[in-house]
C-alpha cells in the first residue's frame, strides 16, 4: 500500500509539471504568481503591436477578428487583464497554445490588445 501511494504521488507530480518552473498546465500558485508579476510590469503597446503581428495575427488576424481563432474584438472587452495574461502564458486547454514570450512581451501584448480591442 505504501509503495502504491508513493508511485501515485510520483506519477501525479510528473504529470502535472514542475510547479516551481511554471511549466504546469495553468493550475497552482506559480501560475498566479507569474500572472501577478506580469501585471506589475508596464506594457508598451507599440512593442506589443509588433509582438502581436509576429506571434498572434497568424491565428487571430491582423485586425483581431479575421482569423480562425477567437475574435479579439468581441472577447477582449469582456475579459480582465489576469484572464488575458493567463491565456497567453498557459493557453486555454483547447486551440490556443501557451505562447513562448518573455514576461515583458506578454505585458506589451496586453497593453496592445487593451488599446486596440478594448
Protein backbone atom coordinates (compact mmCIF):
# COMPACT_ATOMS: atom_id res chain seq x y z
CA UNK A 1 0.00 0.00 0.00
CA UNK A 2 2.82 2.38 0.90
CA UNK A 3 4.54 1.68 -2.45
CA UNK A 4 1.29 2.37 -4.33
CA UNK A 5 0.90 5.73 -2.59
CA UNK A 6 4.49 6.71 -3.41
CA UNK A 7 4.07 5.62 -7.03
CA UNK A 8 0.81 7.59 -7.35
CA UNK A 9 2.39 10.70 -5.84
CA UNK A 10 5.37 10.47 -8.19
CA UNK A 11 3.15 9.91 -11.25
CA UNK A 12 0.88 12.83 -10.27
CA UNK A 13 3.85 15.15 -9.77
CA UNK A 14 5.38 14.27 -13.13
CA UNK A 15 2.04 14.52 -14.99
CA UNK A 16 1.18 17.91 -13.52
CA UNK A 17 4.52 19.50 -14.29
CA UNK A 18 7.10 21.21 -12.14
CA UNK A 19 5.26 23.90 -10.18
CA UNK A 20 8.50 25.75 -9.40
CA UNK A 21 9.38 26.42 -13.03
CA UNK A 22 5.95 27.44 -14.25
CA UNK A 23 5.70 24.52 -16.66
CA UNK A 24 2.44 23.27 -15.20
CA UNK A 25 -0.84 23.32 -17.11
CA UNK A 26 -2.13 26.53 -15.58
CA UNK A 27 -3.03 25.46 -12.07
CA UNK A 28 -1.27 26.03 -8.79
CA UNK A 29 0.28 29.07 -7.18
CA UNK A 30 3.14 29.53 -9.63
CA UNK A 31 0.71 30.43 -12.42
CA UNK A 32 -0.93 33.07 -10.24
CA UNK A 33 2.47 34.40 -9.19
CA UNK A 34 3.62 34.66 -12.81
CA UNK A 35 0.40 36.42 -13.80
CA UNK A 36 0.81 38.87 -10.90
CA UNK A 37 4.44 39.53 -11.87
CA UNK A 38 3.40 40.28 -15.46
CA UNK A 39 0.54 42.52 -14.34
CA UNK A 40 3.03 44.52 -12.24
CA UNK A 41 5.03 45.39 -15.38
CA UNK A 42 4.32 48.43 -17.53
CA UNK A 43 3.41 47.28 -21.00
CA UNK A 44 4.39 49.13 -24.16
CA UNK A 45 1.52 48.99 -26.65
CA UNK A 46 3.80 49.81 -29.60
CA UNK A 47 6.15 46.91 -28.80
CA UNK A 48 3.08 44.76 -28.12
CA UNK A 49 1.78 45.55 -31.60
CA UNK A 50 4.97 44.19 -33.11
CA UNK A 51 4.79 41.04 -30.99
CA UNK A 52 1.10 40.65 -31.85
CA UNK A 53 1.87 40.96 -35.58
CA UNK A 54 4.65 38.37 -35.34
CA UNK A 55 3.01 35.92 -32.94
CA UNK A 56 -0.76 36.35 -32.72
CA UNK A 57 -2.00 37.71 -36.03
CA UNK A 58 -1.47 34.43 -37.90
CA UNK A 59 -4.36 32.93 -35.93
CA UNK A 60 -6.40 35.95 -34.77
CA UNK A 61 -5.93 38.07 -37.90
CA UNK A 62 -4.11 41.40 -38.05
CA UNK A 63 -7.34 43.11 -37.00
CA UNK A 64 -8.01 40.60 -34.21
CA UNK A 65 -11.22 39.47 -35.86
CA UNK A 66 -10.46 37.97 -39.26
CA UNK A 67 -8.50 34.86 -38.27
CA UNK A 68 -9.76 31.40 -37.43
CA UNK A 69 -9.03 31.84 -33.71
CA UNK A 70 -11.09 33.77 -31.14
CA UNK A 71 -12.40 37.15 -32.27
CA UNK A 72 -10.46 39.52 -30.01
CA UNK A 73 -12.68 42.47 -30.88
CA UNK A 74 -15.54 40.60 -29.18
CA UNK A 75 -13.56 38.78 -26.47
CA UNK A 76 -11.08 41.29 -25.06
CA UNK A 77 -13.57 43.89 -23.73
CA UNK A 78 -15.29 41.30 -21.52
CA UNK A 79 -12.11 39.76 -20.05
CA UNK A 80 -9.98 41.09 -17.21
CA UNK A 81 -6.23 41.51 -17.52
CA UNK A 82 -5.39 38.48 -15.36
CA UNK A 83 -7.55 36.25 -17.57
CA UNK A 84 -5.87 37.52 -20.75
CA UNK A 85 -2.35 37.09 -19.35
CA UNK A 86 -3.19 33.59 -18.10
CA UNK A 87 -4.45 32.56 -21.55
CA UNK A 88 -1.33 33.95 -23.24
CA UNK A 89 1.11 32.17 -20.92
CA UNK A 90 -0.81 28.92 -20.35
CA UNK A 91 -3.09 28.54 -23.36
CA UNK A 92 -6.74 27.69 -22.99
CA UNK A 93 -6.53 23.91 -22.98
CA UNK A 94 -8.11 23.84 -26.44
CA UNK A 95 -6.97 25.52 -29.62
CA UNK A 96 -4.91 28.32 -28.04
CA UNK A 97 -1.43 27.06 -27.14
CA UNK A 98 0.75 28.64 -24.46
CA UNK A 99 2.96 31.28 -26.01
CA UNK A 100 6.74 31.34 -25.56
CA UNK A 101 7.09 35.03 -24.72
CA UNK A 102 9.04 36.87 -22.04
CA UNK A 103 7.08 38.46 -19.21
CA UNK A 104 7.71 41.89 -20.74
CA UNK A 105 6.47 40.73 -24.14
CA UNK A 106 3.26 39.43 -22.52
CA UNK A 107 2.81 42.77 -20.71
CA UNK A 108 3.37 44.56 -24.03
CA UNK A 109 0.81 42.38 -25.85
CA UNK A 110 -1.67 43.01 -23.04
CA UNK A 111 -1.15 46.78 -23.43
CA UNK A 112 -1.62 46.45 -27.20
CA UNK A 113 -4.82 44.37 -27.10
CA UNK A 114 -6.31 46.66 -24.45
CA UNK A 115 -5.51 49.76 -26.52
CA UNK A 116 -6.67 48.17 -29.78
CA UNK A 117 -9.56 45.87 -28.89
CA UNK A 118 -10.79 47.27 -25.60
